[in-house]
Amino acid sequence: MEVARAVTKYIRISPRKARLAAGLIRGKPVDFATSQLMVSNLKGGRLMLKTLDSAVANAEVKGDVPRDKLKVLEVRVDCGPTMKRAKPKNKGGRHPILKRSSHFTIVVGE
């Protein structure tokens, strides 16, 4: 069984929010997963759709597998680097603001 994967790194969305979109497509056929991400109203869904399309294209070109036979085998959202910012508070203090990023990995196969 041939598998193809696509990795997108340094996406500016919190991993916790992106995992909501990942849960929609885990273990589903590719056509169903694509339609799920298109109609979902999630920012992570739009970003994950690009990675899914890339994984499908890799499978079609390298593995010579038609799109309708593909299934999403693995969806992983890992933490990327965190940008640390600060918001001023009273008496000269500061409050940390953490701008998180994510790495997406999608594996498709028959």
PDB file of N, CA and C in Angstrom:
ATOM      1  N   MET A   1       0.850  -1.183   0.000  1.00  0.00           N
ATOM      2  CA  MET A   1       0.000   0.000   0.000  1.00  0.00           C
ATOM      3  C   MET A   1       0.892   1.241   0.000  1.00  0.00           C
ATOM      4  N   GLU A   2       0.730   2.057  -1.002  1.00  0.00           N
ATOM      5  CA  GLU A   2       1.529   3.266  -1.163  1.00  0.00           C
ATOM      6  C   GLU A   2       0.861   4.430  -0.422  1.00  0.00           C
ATOM      7  N   VAL A   3       1.642   5.182   0.308  1.00  0.00           N
ATOM      8  CA  VAL A   3       1.116   6.352   0.998  1.00  0.00           C
ATOM      9  C   VAL A   3       1.849   7.584   0.507  1.00  0.00           C
ATOM     10  N   ALA A   4       1.158   8.705   0.552  1.00  0.00           N
ATOM     11  CA  ALA A   4       1.756   9.990   0.197  1.00  0.00           C
ATOM     12  C   ALA A   4       1.466  10.954   1.332  1.00  0.00           C
ATOM     13  N   ARG A   5       2.397  11.870   1.552  1.00  0.00           N
ATOM     14  CA  ARG A   5       2.205  12.807   2.653  1.00  0.00           C
ATOM     15  C   ARG A   5       2.538  14.215   2.210  1.00  0.00           C
ATOM     16  N   ALA A   6       1.990  15.165   2.947  1.00  0.00           N
ATOM     17  CA  ALA A   6       2.284  16.577   2.723  1.00  0.00           C
ATOM     18  C   ALA A   6       2.434  17.232   4.090  1.00  0.00           C
ATOM     19  N   VAL A   7       3.394  18.123   4.193  1.00  0.00           N
ATOM     20  CA  VAL A   7       3.673  18.823   5.443  1.00  0.00           C
ATOM     21  C   VAL A   7       3.648  20.321   5.167  1.00  0.00           C
ATOM     22  N   THR A   8       2.915  21.053   5.983  1.00  0.00           N
ATOM     23  CA  THR A   8       2.901  22.509   5.919  1.00  0.00           C
ATOM     24  C   THR A   8       3.366  23.015   7.278  1.00  0.00           C
ATOM     25  N   LYS A   9       4.366  23.873   7.261  1.00  0.00           N
ATOM     26  CA  LYS A   9       4.944  24.327   8.523  1.00  0.00           C
ATOM     27  C   LYS A   9       4.716  25.814   8.758  1.00  0.00           C
ATOM     28  N   TYR A  10       4.811  26.196  10.017  1.00  0.00           N
ATOM     29  CA  TYR A  10       4.764  27.586  10.467  1.00  0.00           C
ATOM     30  C   TYR A  10       3.453  28.276  10.080  1.00  0.00           C
ATOM     31  N   ILE A  11       2.327  27.610  10.287  1.00  0.00           N
ATOM     32  CA  ILE A  11       1.013  28.184  10.029  1.00  0.00           C
ATOM     33  C   ILE A  11       0.607  28.983  11.262  1.00  0.00           C
ATOM     34  N   ARG A  12       0.175  30.235  11.045  1.00  0.00           N
ATOM     35  CA  ARG A  12      -0.139  31.107  12.166  1.00  0.00           C
ATOM     36  C   ARG A  12      -1.557  30.875  12.678  1.00  0.00           C
ATOM     37  N   ILE A  13      -1.753  29.711  13.286  1.00  0.00           N
ATOM     38  CA  ILE A  13      -3.006  29.392  13.957  1.00  0.00           C
ATOM     39  C   ILE A  13      -2.644  28.513  15.154  1.00  0.00           C
ATOM     40  N   SER A  14      -3.384  28.660  16.199  1.00  0.00           N
ATOM     41  CA  SER A  14      -3.134  27.871  17.400  1.00  0.00           C
ATOM     42  C   SER A  14      -3.394  26.386  17.110  1.00  0.00           C
ATOM     43  N   PRO A  15      -2.532  25.492  17.586  1.00  0.00           N
ATOM     44  CA  PRO A  15      -2.742  24.063  17.338  1.00  0.00           C
ATOM     45  C   PRO A  15      -4.076  23.556  17.886  1.00  0.00           C
ATOM     46  N   ARG A  16      -4.517  24.117  18.977  1.00  0.00           N
ATOM     47  CA  ARG A  16      -5.780  23.683  19.569  1.00  0.00           C
ATOM     48  C   ARG A  16      -6.952  23.969  18.624  1.00  0.00           C
ATOM     49  N   LYS A  17      -6.924  25.121  17.956  1.00  0.00           N
ATOM     50  CA  LYS A  17      -7.985  25.464  17.012  1.00  0.00           C
ATOM     51  C   LYS A  17      -7.863  24.657  15.730  1.00  0.00           C
ATOM     52  N   ALA A  18      -6.639  24.379  15.307  1.00  0.00           N
ATOM     53  CA  ALA A  18      -6.436  23.615  14.076  1.00  0.00           C
ATOM     54  C   ALA A  18      -6.850  22.163  14.255  1.00  0.00           C
ATOM     55  N   ARG A  19      -6.739  21.635  15.461  1.00  0.00           N
ATOM     56  CA  ARG A  19      -7.111  20.240  15.697  1.00  0.00           C
ATOM     57  C   ARG A  19      -8.622  20.015  15.572  1.00  0.00           C
ATOM     58  N   LEU A  20      -9.413  21.080  15.701  1.00  0.00           N
ATOM     59  CA  LEU A  20     -10.850  20.953  15.474  1.00  0.00           C
ATOM     60  C   LEU A  20     -11.123  20.596  14.016  1.00  0.00           C
ATOM     61  N   ALA A  21     -10.391  21.212  13.099  1.00  0.00           N
ATOM     62  CA  ALA A  21     -10.547  20.906  11.673  1.00  0.00           C
ATOM     63  C   ALA A  21      -9.967  19.532  11.355  1.00  0.00           C
ATOM     64  N   ALA A  22      -8.888  19.157  12.027  1.00  0.00           N
ATOM     65  CA  ALA A  22      -8.269  17.853  11.775  1.00  0.00           C
ATOM     66  C   ALA A  22      -9.217  16.728  12.168  1.00  0.00           C
ATOM     67  N   GLY A  23      -9.987  16.922  13.211  1.00  0.00           N
ATOM     68  CA  GLY A  23     -10.932  15.904  13.645  1.00  0.00           C
ATOM     69  C   GLY A  23     -12.047  15.652  12.642  1.00  0.00           C
ATOM     70  N   LEU A  24     -12.340  16.646  11.801  1.00  0.00           N
ATOM     71  CA  LEU A  24     -13.394  16.482  10.804  1.00  0.00           C
ATOM     72  C   LEU A  24     -13.023  15.493   9.706  1.00  0.00           C
ATOM     73  N   ILE A  25     -11.723  15.383   9.398  1.00  0.00           N
ATOM     74  CA  ILE A  25     -11.324  14.600   8.224  1.00  0.00           C
ATOM     75  C   ILE A  25     -10.576  13.321   8.550  1.00  0.00           C
ATOM     76  N   ARG A  26     -10.273  13.088   9.787  1.00  0.00           N
ATOM     77  CA  ARG A  26      -9.464  11.918  10.154  1.00  0.00           C
ATOM     78  C   ARG A  26     -10.186  10.623   9.804  1.00  0.00           C
ATOM     79  N   GLY A  27      -9.549   9.790   8.950  1.00  0.00           N
ATOM     80  CA  GLY A  27     -10.090   8.487   8.590  1.00  0.00           C
ATOM     81  C   GLY A  27     -11.158   8.499   7.517  1.00  0.00           C
ATOM     82  N   LYS A  28     -11.414   9.640   6.890  1.00  0.00           N
ATOM     83  CA  LYS A  28     -12.475   9.758   5.895  1.00  0.00           C
ATOM     84  C   LYS A  28     -11.908   9.623   4.476  1.00  0.00           C
ATOM     85  N   PRO A  29     -12.757   9.283   3.480  1.00  0.00           N
ATOM     86  CA  PRO A  29     -12.319   9.331   2.081  1.00  0.00           C
ATOM     87  C   PRO A  29     -11.987  10.765   1.676  1.00  0.00           C
ATOM     88  N   VAL A  30     -11.107  10.912   0.699  1.00  0.00           N
ATOM     89  CA  VAL A  30     -10.589  12.232   0.345  1.00  0.00           C
ATOM     90  C   VAL A  30     -11.683  13.163  -0.176  1.00  0.00           C
ATOM     91  N   ASP A  31     -12.603  12.644  -0.987  1.00  0.00           N
ATOM     92  CA  ASP A  31     -13.668  13.503  -1.525  1.00  0.00           C
ATOM     93  C   ASP A  31     -14.560  14.041  -0.412  1.00  0.00           C
ATOM     94  N   PHE A  32     -14.897  13.178   0.541  1.00  0.00           N
ATOM     95  CA  PHE A  32     -15.721  13.608   1.669  1.00  0.00           C
ATOM     96  C   PHE A  32     -14.967  14.603   2.545  1.00  0.00           C
ATOM     97  N   ALA A  33     -13.676  14.337   2.772  1.00  0.00           N
ATOM     98  CA  ALA A  33     -12.871  15.229   3.605  1.00  0.00           C
ATOM     99  C   ALA A  33     -12.748  16.609   2.966  1.00  0.00           C
ATOM    100  N   THR A  34     -12.583  16.655   1.641  1.00  0.00           N
ATOM    101  CA  THR A  34     -12.480  17.937   0.949  1.00  0.00           C
ATOM    102  C   THR A  34     -13.769  18.741   1.086  1.00  0.00           C
ATOM    103  N   SER A  35     -14.905  18.069   0.919  1.00  0.00           N
ATOM    104  CA  SER A  35     -16.178  18.782   1.045  1.00  0.00           C
ATOM    105  C   SER A  35     -16.417  19.231   2.486  1.00  0.00           C
ATOM    106  N   GLN A  36     -15.997  18.430   3.461  1.00  0.00           N
ATOM    107  CA  GLN A  36     -16.142  18.816   4.872  1.00  0.00           C
ATOM    108  C   GLN A  36     -15.359  20.090   5.172  1.00  0.00           C
ATOM    109  N   LEU A  37     -14.120  20.156   4.671  1.00  0.00           N
ATOM    110  CA  LEU A  37     -13.295  21.327   4.951  1.00  0.00           C
ATOM    111  C   LEU A  37     -13.806  22.565   4.218  1.00  0.00           C
ATOM    112  N   MET A  38     -14.392  22.365   3.039  1.00  0.00           N
ATOM    113  CA  MET A  38     -14.915  23.516   2.284  1.00  0.00           C
ATOM    114  C   MET A  38     -16.112  24.151   2.977  1.00  0.00           C
ATOM    115  N   VAL A  39     -16.994  23.329   3.530  1.00  0.00           N
ATOM    116  CA  VAL A  39     -18.209  23.884   4.121  1.00  0.00           C
ATOM    117  C   VAL A  39     -18.036  24.264   5.593  1.00  0.00           C
ATOM    118  N   SER A  40     -16.949  23.811   6.220  1.00  0.00           N
ATOM    119  CA  SER A  40     -16.745  24.189   7.623  1.00  0.00           C
ATOM    120  C   SER A  40     -16.361  25.662   7.693  1.00  0.00           C
ATOM    121  N   ASN A  41     -16.790  26.296   8.754  1.00  0.00           N
ATOM    122  CA  ASN A  41     -16.548  27.730   8.907  1.00  0.00           C
ATOM    123  C   ASN A  41     -15.337  27.956   9.818  1.00  0.00           C
ATOM    124  N   LEU A  42     -14.282  27.169   9.618  1.00  0.00           N
ATOM    125  CA  LEU A  42     -13.102  27.251  10.459  1.00  0.00           C
ATOM    126  C   LEU A  42     -11.913  27.775   9.659  1.00  0.00           C
ATOM    127  N   LYS A  43     -11.118  28.622  10.271  1.00  0.00           N
ATOM    128  CA  LYS A  43      -9.892  29.077   9.616  1.00  0.00           C
ATOM    129  C   LYS A  43      -8.949  27.903   9.400  1.00  0.00           C
ATOM    130  N   GLY A  44      -8.880  27.004  10.360  1.00  0.00           N
ATOM    131  CA  GLY A  44      -8.042  25.823  10.229  1.00  0.00           C
ATOM    132  C   GLY A  44      -8.481  24.929   9.087  1.00  0.00           C
ATOM    133  N   GLY A  45      -9.761  24.929   8.777  1.00  0.00           N
ATOM    134  CA  GLY A  45     -10.268  24.134   7.672  1.00  0.00           C
ATOM    135  C   GLY A  45      -9.758  24.630   6.337  1.00  0.00           C
ATOM    136  N   ARG A  46      -9.763  25.941   6.158  1.00  0.00           N
ATOM    137  CA  ARG A  46      -9.239  26.511   4.907  1.00  0.00           C
ATOM    138  C   ARG A  46      -7.756  26.226   4.748  1.00  0.00           C
ATOM    139  N   LEU A  47      -7.009  26.339   5.836  1.00  0.00           N
ATOM    140  CA  LEU A  47      -5.568  26.113   5.764  1.00  0.00           C
ATOM    141  C   LEU A  47      -5.248  24.630   5.576  1.00  0.00           C
ATOM    142  N   MET A  48      -6.032  23.764   6.201  1.00  0.00           N
ATOM    143  CA  MET A  48      -5.789  22.335   6.086  1.00  0.00           C
ATOM    144  C   MET A  48      -6.175  21.803   4.711  1.00  0.00           C
ATOM    145  N   LEU A  49      -7.122  22.469   4.052  1.00  0.00           N
ATOM    146  CA  LEU A  49      -7.545  22.061   2.717  1.00  0.00           C
ATOM    147  C   LEU A  49      -6.384  22.147   1.728  1.00  0.00           C
ATOM    148  N   LYS A  50      -5.556  23.160   1.869  1.00  0.00           N
ATOM    149  CA  LYS A  50      -4.397  23.299   0.990  1.00  0.00           C
ATOM    150  C   LYS A  50      -3.410  22.154   1.189  1.00  0.00           C
ATOM    151  N   THR A  51      -3.199  21.767   2.429  1.00  0.00           N
ATOM    152  CA  THR A  51      -2.291  20.653   2.717  1.00  0.00           C
ATOM    153  C   THR A  51      -2.870  19.339   2.213  1.00  0.00           C
ATOM    154  N   LEU A  52      -4.184  19.160   2.367  1.00  0.00           N
ATOM    155  CA  LEU A  52      -4.835  17.943   1.875  1.00  0.00           C
ATOM    156  C   LEU A  52      -4.727  17.849   0.352  1.00  0.00           C
ATOM    157  N   ASP A  53      -4.949  18.966  -0.343  1.00  0.00           N
ATOM    158  CA  ASP A  53      -4.822  18.967  -1.806  1.00  0.00           C
ATOM    159  C   ASP A  53      -3.401  18.634  -2.236  1.00  0.00           C
ATOM    160  N   SER A  54      -2.426  19.104  -1.489  1.00  0.00           N
ATOM    161  CA  SER A  54      -1.034  18.806  -1.798  1.00  0.00           C
ATOM    162  C   SER A  54      -0.732  17.321  -1.608  1.00  0.00           C
ATOM    163  N   ALA A  55      -1.258  16.724  -0.543  1.00  0.00           N
ATOM    164  CA  ALA A  55      -1.043  15.296  -0.298  1.00  0.00           C
ATOM    165  C   ALA A  55      -1.706  14.449  -1.384  1.00  0.00           C
ATOM    166  N   VAL A  56      -2.887  14.864  -1.816  1.00  0.00           N
ATOM    167  CA  VAL A  56      -3.586  14.135  -2.879  1.00  0.00           C
ATOM    168  C   VAL A  56      -2.815  14.239  -4.184  1.00  0.00           C
ATOM    169  N   ALA A  57      -2.301  15.423  -4.498  1.00  0.00           N
ATOM    170  CA  ALA A  57      -1.505  15.601  -5.713  1.00  0.00           C
ATOM    171  C   ALA A  57      -0.238  14.752  -5.667  1.00  0.00           C
ATOM    172  N   ASN A  58       0.390  14.660  -4.502  1.00  0.00           N
ATOM    173  CA  ASN A  58       1.573  13.813  -4.353  1.00  0.00           C
ATOM    174  C   ASN A  58       1.227  12.346  -4.609  1.00  0.00           C
ATOM    175  N   ALA A  59       0.072  11.905  -4.115  1.00  0.00           N
ATOM    176  CA  ALA A  59      -0.332  10.512  -4.312  1.00  0.00           C
ATOM    177  C   ALA A  59      -0.641  10.235  -5.776  1.00  0.00           C
ATOM    178  N   GLU A  60      -1.275  11.192  -6.449  1.00  0.00           N
ATOM    179  CA  GLU A  60      -1.626  10.995  -7.855  1.00  0.00           C
ATOM    180  C   GLU A  60      -0.393  10.959  -8.746  1.00  0.00           C
ATOM    181  N   VAL A  61       0.579  11.801  -8.443  1.00  0.00           N
ATOM    182  CA  VAL A  61       1.766  11.880  -9.295  1.00  0.00           C
ATOM    183  C   VAL A  61       2.761  10.763  -8.974  1.00  0.00           C
ATOM    184  N   LYS A  62       3.090  10.599  -7.713  1.00  0.00           N
ATOM    185  CA  LYS A  62       4.122   9.627  -7.333  1.00  0.00           C
ATOM    186  C   LYS A  62       3.594   8.196  -7.279  1.00  0.00           C
ATOM    187  N   GLY A  63       2.412   8.015  -6.696  1.00  0.00           N
ATOM    188  CA  GLY A  63       1.895   6.670  -6.521  1.00  0.00           C
ATOM    189  C   GLY A  63       0.983   6.212  -7.642  1.00  0.00           C
ATOM    190  N   ASP A  64       0.597   7.138  -8.537  1.00  0.00           N
ATOM    191  CA  ASP A  64      -0.303   6.827  -9.659  1.00  0.00           C
ATOM    192  C   ASP A  64      -1.604   6.204  -9.156  1.00  0.00           C
ATOM    193  N   VAL A  65      -2.169   6.817  -8.106  1.00  0.00           N
ATOM    194  CA  VAL A  65      -3.414   6.340  -7.499  1.00  0.00           C
ATOM    195  C   VAL A  65      -4.507   7.361  -7.810  1.00  0.00           C
ATOM    196  N   PRO A  66      -5.675   6.921  -8.320  1.00  0.00           N
ATOM    197  CA  PRO A  66      -6.753   7.881  -8.589  1.00  0.00           C
ATOM    198  C   PRO A  66      -7.310   8.481  -7.298  1.00  0.00           C
ATOM    199  N   ARG A  67      -7.834   9.685  -7.427  1.00  0.00           N
ATOM    200  CA  ARG A  67      -8.305  10.446  -6.271  1.00  0.00           C
ATOM    201  C   ARG A  67      -9.444   9.739  -5.531  1.00  0.00           C
ATOM    202  N   ASP A  68     -10.327   9.061  -6.265  1.00  0.00           N
ATOM    203  CA  ASP A  68     -11.491   8.465  -5.617  1.00  0.00           C
ATOM    204  C   ASP A  68     -11.164   7.225  -4.785  1.00  0.00           C
ATOM    205  N   LYS A  69      -9.952   6.687  -4.905  1.00  0.00           N
ATOM    206  CA  LYS A  69      -9.551   5.536  -4.091  1.00  0.00           C
ATOM    207  C   LYS A  69      -8.779   5.946  -2.841  1.00  0.00           C
ATOM    208  N   LEU A  70      -8.470   7.225  -2.710  1.00  0.00           N
ATOM    209  CA  LEU A  70      -7.641   7.682  -1.588  1.00  0.00           C
ATOM    210  C   LEU A  70      -8.468   7.902  -0.334  1.00  0.00           C
ATOM    211  N   LYS A  71      -7.797   7.703   0.803  1.00  0.00           N
ATOM    212  CA  LYS A  71      -8.405   7.885   2.123  1.00  0.00           C
ATOM    213  C   LYS A  71      -7.391   8.606   3.004  1.00  0.00           C
ATOM    214  N   VAL A  72      -7.879   9.435   3.905  1.00  0.00           N
ATOM    215  CA  VAL A  72      -7.003  10.147   4.835  1.00  0.00           C
ATOM    216  C   VAL A  72      -6.607   9.166   5.937  1.00  0.00           C
ATOM    217  N   LEU A  73      -5.346   8.793   5.964  1.00  0.00           N
ATOM    218  CA  LEU A  73      -4.871   7.822   6.948  1.00  0.00           C
ATOM    219  C   LEU A  73      -4.445   8.488   8.250  1.00  0.00           C
ATOM    220  N   GLU A  74      -3.809   9.649   8.137  1.00  0.00           N
ATOM    221  CA  GLU A  74      -3.281  10.305   9.341  1.00  0.00           C
ATOM    222  C   GLU A  74      -3.342  11.813   9.169  1.00  0.00           C
ATOM    223  N   VAL A  75      -3.791  12.487  10.209  1.00  0.00           N
ATOM    224  CA  VAL A  75      -3.773  13.951  10.262  1.00  0.00           C
ATOM    225  C   VAL A  75      -3.133  14.323  11.579  1.00  0.00           C
ATOM    226  N   ARG A  76      -2.065  15.093  11.503  1.00  0.00           N
ATOM    227  CA  ARG A  76      -1.362  15.474  12.722  1.00  0.00           C
ATOM    228  C   ARG A  76      -1.163  16.981  12.742  1.00  0.00           C
ATOM    229  N   VAL A  77      -1.443  17.600  13.869  1.00  0.00           N
ATOM    230  CA  VAL A  77      -1.200  19.029  14.068  1.00  0.00           C
ATOM    231  C   VAL A  77      -0.238  19.159  15.235  1.00  0.00           C
ATOM    232  N   ASP A  78       0.976  19.595  14.942  1.00  0.00           N
ATOM    233  CA  ASP A  78       1.998  19.745  15.967  1.00  0.00           C
ATOM    234  C   ASP A  78       2.220  21.226  16.270  1.00  0.00           C
ATOM    235  N   CYS A  79       2.795  21.482  17.419  1.00  0.00           N
ATOM    236  CA  CYS A  79       3.094  22.857  17.808  1.00  0.00           C
ATOM    237  C   CYS A  79       4.310  23.365  17.053  1.00  0.00           C
ATOM    238  N   GLY A  80       4.222  24.593  16.600  1.00  0.00           N
ATOM    239  CA  GLY A  80       5.362  25.266  15.992  1.00  0.00           C
ATOM    240  C   GLY A  80       5.944  26.247  16.987  1.00  0.00           C
ATOM    241  N   PRO A  81       6.813  27.122  16.519  1.00  0.00           N
ATOM    242  CA  PRO A  81       7.383  28.116  17.427  1.00  0.00           C
ATOM    243  C   PRO A  81       6.330  29.130  17.880  1.00  0.00           C
ATOM    244  N   THR A  82       6.523  29.646  19.064  1.00  0.00           N
ATOM    245  CA  THR A  82       5.613  30.625  19.644  1.00  0.00           C
ATOM    246  C   THR A  82       6.277  31.988  19.661  1.00  0.00           C
ATOM    247  N   MET A  83       5.589  32.987  19.088  1.00  0.00           N
ATOM    248  CA  MET A  83       6.100  34.363  19.154  1.00  0.00           C
ATOM    249  C   MET A  83       5.618  34.970  20.464  1.00  0.00           C
ATOM    250  N   LYS A  84       6.542  35.532  21.194  1.00  0.00           N
ATOM    251  CA  LYS A  84       6.207  36.084  22.497  1.00  0.00           C
ATOM    252  C   LYS A  84       6.115  37.603  22.398  1.00  0.00           C
ATOM    253  N   ARG A  85       4.959  38.132  22.763  1.00  0.00           N
ATOM    254  CA  ARG A  85       4.716  39.565  22.757  1.00  0.00           C
ATOM    255  C   ARG A  85       4.239  39.967  24.146  1.00  0.00           C
ATOM    256  N   ALA A  86       4.127  41.268  24.401  1.00  0.00           N
ATOM    257  CA  ALA A  86       3.693  41.728  25.720  1.00  0.00           C
ATOM    258  C   ALA A  86       2.697  42.859  25.570  1.00  0.00           C
ATOM    259  N   LYS A  87       1.792  42.910  26.521  1.00  0.00           N
ATOM    260  CA  LYS A  87       0.808  43.985  26.580  1.00  0.00           C
ATOM    261  C   LYS A  87       1.068  44.763  27.866  1.00  0.00           C
ATOM    262  N   PRO A  88       1.156  46.080  27.796  1.00  0.00           N
ATOM    263  CA  PRO A  88       1.438  46.856  29.008  1.00  0.00           C
ATOM    264  C   PRO A  88       0.312  46.751  30.037  1.00  0.00           C
ATOM    265  N   LYS A  89       0.702  46.697  31.286  1.00  0.00           N
ATOM    266  CA  LYS A  89      -0.257  46.653  32.380  1.00  0.00           C
ATOM    267  C   LYS A  89       0.046  47.797  33.343  1.00  0.00           C
ATOM    268  N   ASN A  90      -0.732  47.879  34.430  1.00  0.00           N
ATOM    269  CA  ASN A  90      -0.571  48.995  35.362  1.00  0.00           C
ATOM    270  C   ASN A  90       0.729  48.894  36.161  1.00  0.00           C
ATOM    271  N   LYS A  91       1.180  50.012  36.631  1.00  0.00           N
ATOM    272  CA  LYS A  91       2.399  50.150  37.430  1.00  0.00           C
ATOM    273  C   LYS A  91       3.632  49.618  36.692  1.00  0.00           C
ATOM    274  N   GLY A  92       3.680  49.785  35.403  1.00  0.00           N
ATOM    275  CA  GLY A  92       4.862  49.401  34.637  1.00  0.00           C
ATOM    276  C   GLY A  92       4.989  47.913  34.381  1.00  0.00           C
ATOM    277  N   GLY A  93       3.962  47.177  34.685  1.00  0.00           N
ATOM    278  CA  GLY A  93       4.032  45.732  34.480  1.00  0.00           C
ATOM    279  C   GLY A  93       3.716  45.350  33.044  1.00  0.00           C
ATOM    280  N   ARG A  94       3.752  44.061  32.792  1.00  0.00           N
ATOM    281  CA  ARG A  94       3.444  43.570  31.456  1.00  0.00           C
ATOM    282  C   ARG A  94       2.682  42.258  31.562  1.00  0.00           C
ATOM    283  N   HIS A  95       1.911  41.991  30.538  1.00  0.00           N
ATOM    284  CA  HIS A  95       1.163  40.747  30.467  1.00  0.00           C
ATOM    285  C   HIS A  95       1.580  40.032  29.191  1.00  0.00           C
ATOM    286  N   PRO A  96       2.021  38.769  29.279  1.00  0.00           N
ATOM    287  CA  PRO A  96       2.517  38.088  28.085  1.00  0.00           C
ATOM    288  C   PRO A  96       1.390  37.724  27.113  1.00  0.00           C
ATOM    289  N   ILE A  97       1.667  37.880  25.829  1.00  0.00           N
ATOM    290  CA  ILE A  97       0.785  37.450  24.755  1.00  0.00           C
ATOM    291  C   ILE A  97       1.558  36.397  23.966  1.00  0.00           C
ATOM    292  N   LEU A  98       1.012  35.195  23.841  1.00  0.00           N
ATOM    293  CA  LEU A  98       1.673  34.115  23.115  1.00  0.00           C
ATOM    294  C   LEU A  98       0.971  33.898  21.781  1.00  0.00           C
ATOM    295  N   LYS A  99       1.678  34.151  20.693  1.00  0.00           N
ATOM    296  CA  LYS A  99       1.129  33.948  19.351  1.00  0.00           C
ATOM    297  C   LYS A  99       1.651  32.611  18.847  1.00  0.00           C
ATOM    298  N   ARG A 100       0.799  31.606  18.893  1.00  0.00           N
ATOM    299  CA  ARG A 100       1.213  30.242  18.594  1.00  0.00           C
ATOM    300  C   ARG A 100       1.132  29.945  17.099  1.00  0.00           C
ATOM    301  N   SER A 101       1.930  28.955  16.686  1.00  0.00           N
ATOM    302  CA  SER A 101       1.893  28.504  15.303  1.00  0.00           C
ATOM    303  C   SER A 101       1.846  26.981  15.267  1.00  0.00           C
ATOM    304  N   SER A 102       1.558  26.429  14.087  1.00  0.00           N
ATOM    305  CA  SER A 102       1.327  24.990  13.948  1.00  0.00           C
ATOM    306  C   SER A 102       2.063  24.420  12.762  1.00  0.00           C
ATOM    307  N   HIS A 103       2.278  23.111  12.802  1.00  0.00           N
ATOM    308  CA  HIS A 103       2.780  22.339  11.672  1.00  0.00           C
ATOM    309  C   HIS A 103       1.721  21.286  11.356  1.00  0.00           C
ATOM    310  N   PHE A 104       1.273  21.226  10.078  1.00  0.00           N
ATOM    311  CA  PHE A 104       0.280  20.238   9.653  1.00  0.00           C
ATOM    312  C   PHE A 104       0.973  19.111   8.922  1.00  0.00           C
ATOM    313  N   THR A 105       0.573  17.878   9.186  1.00  0.00           N
ATOM    314  CA  THR A 105       1.023  16.713   8.443  1.00  0.00           C
ATOM    315  C   THR A 105      -0.185  15.878   8.067  1.00  0.00           C
ATOM    316  N   ILE A 106      -0.357  15.602   6.769  1.00  0.00           N
ATOM    317  CA  ILE A 106      -1.473  14.787   6.299  1.00  0.00           C
ATOM    318  C   ILE A 106      -0.907  13.639   5.473  1.00  0.00           C
ATOM    319  N   VAL A 107      -1.341  12.414   5.803  1.00  0.00           N
ATOM    320  CA  VAL A 107      -0.918  11.214   5.077  1.00  0.00           C
ATOM    321  C   VAL A 107      -2.151  10.601   4.440  1.00  0.00           C
ATOM    322  N   VAL A 108      -2.092  10.375   3.121  1.00  0.00           N
ATOM    323  CA  VAL A 108      -3.186   9.732   2.406  1.00  0.00           C
ATOM    324  C   VAL A 108      -2.705   8.444   1.765  1.00  0.00           C
ATOM    325  N   GLY A 109      -3.611   7.511   1.597  1.00  0.00           N
ATOM    326  CA  GLY A 109      -3.261   6.233   0.970  1.00  0.00           C
ATOM    327  C   GLY A 109      -4.520   5.488   0.576  1.00  0.00           C
ATOM    328  N   GLU A 110      -4.337   4.298   0.036  1.00  0.00           N
ATOM    329  CA  GLU A 110      -5.495   3.504  -0.402  1.00  0.00           C
ATOM    330  C   GLU A 110      -6.166   2.811   0.762  1.00  0.00           C
TER     331      GLU A 110
END
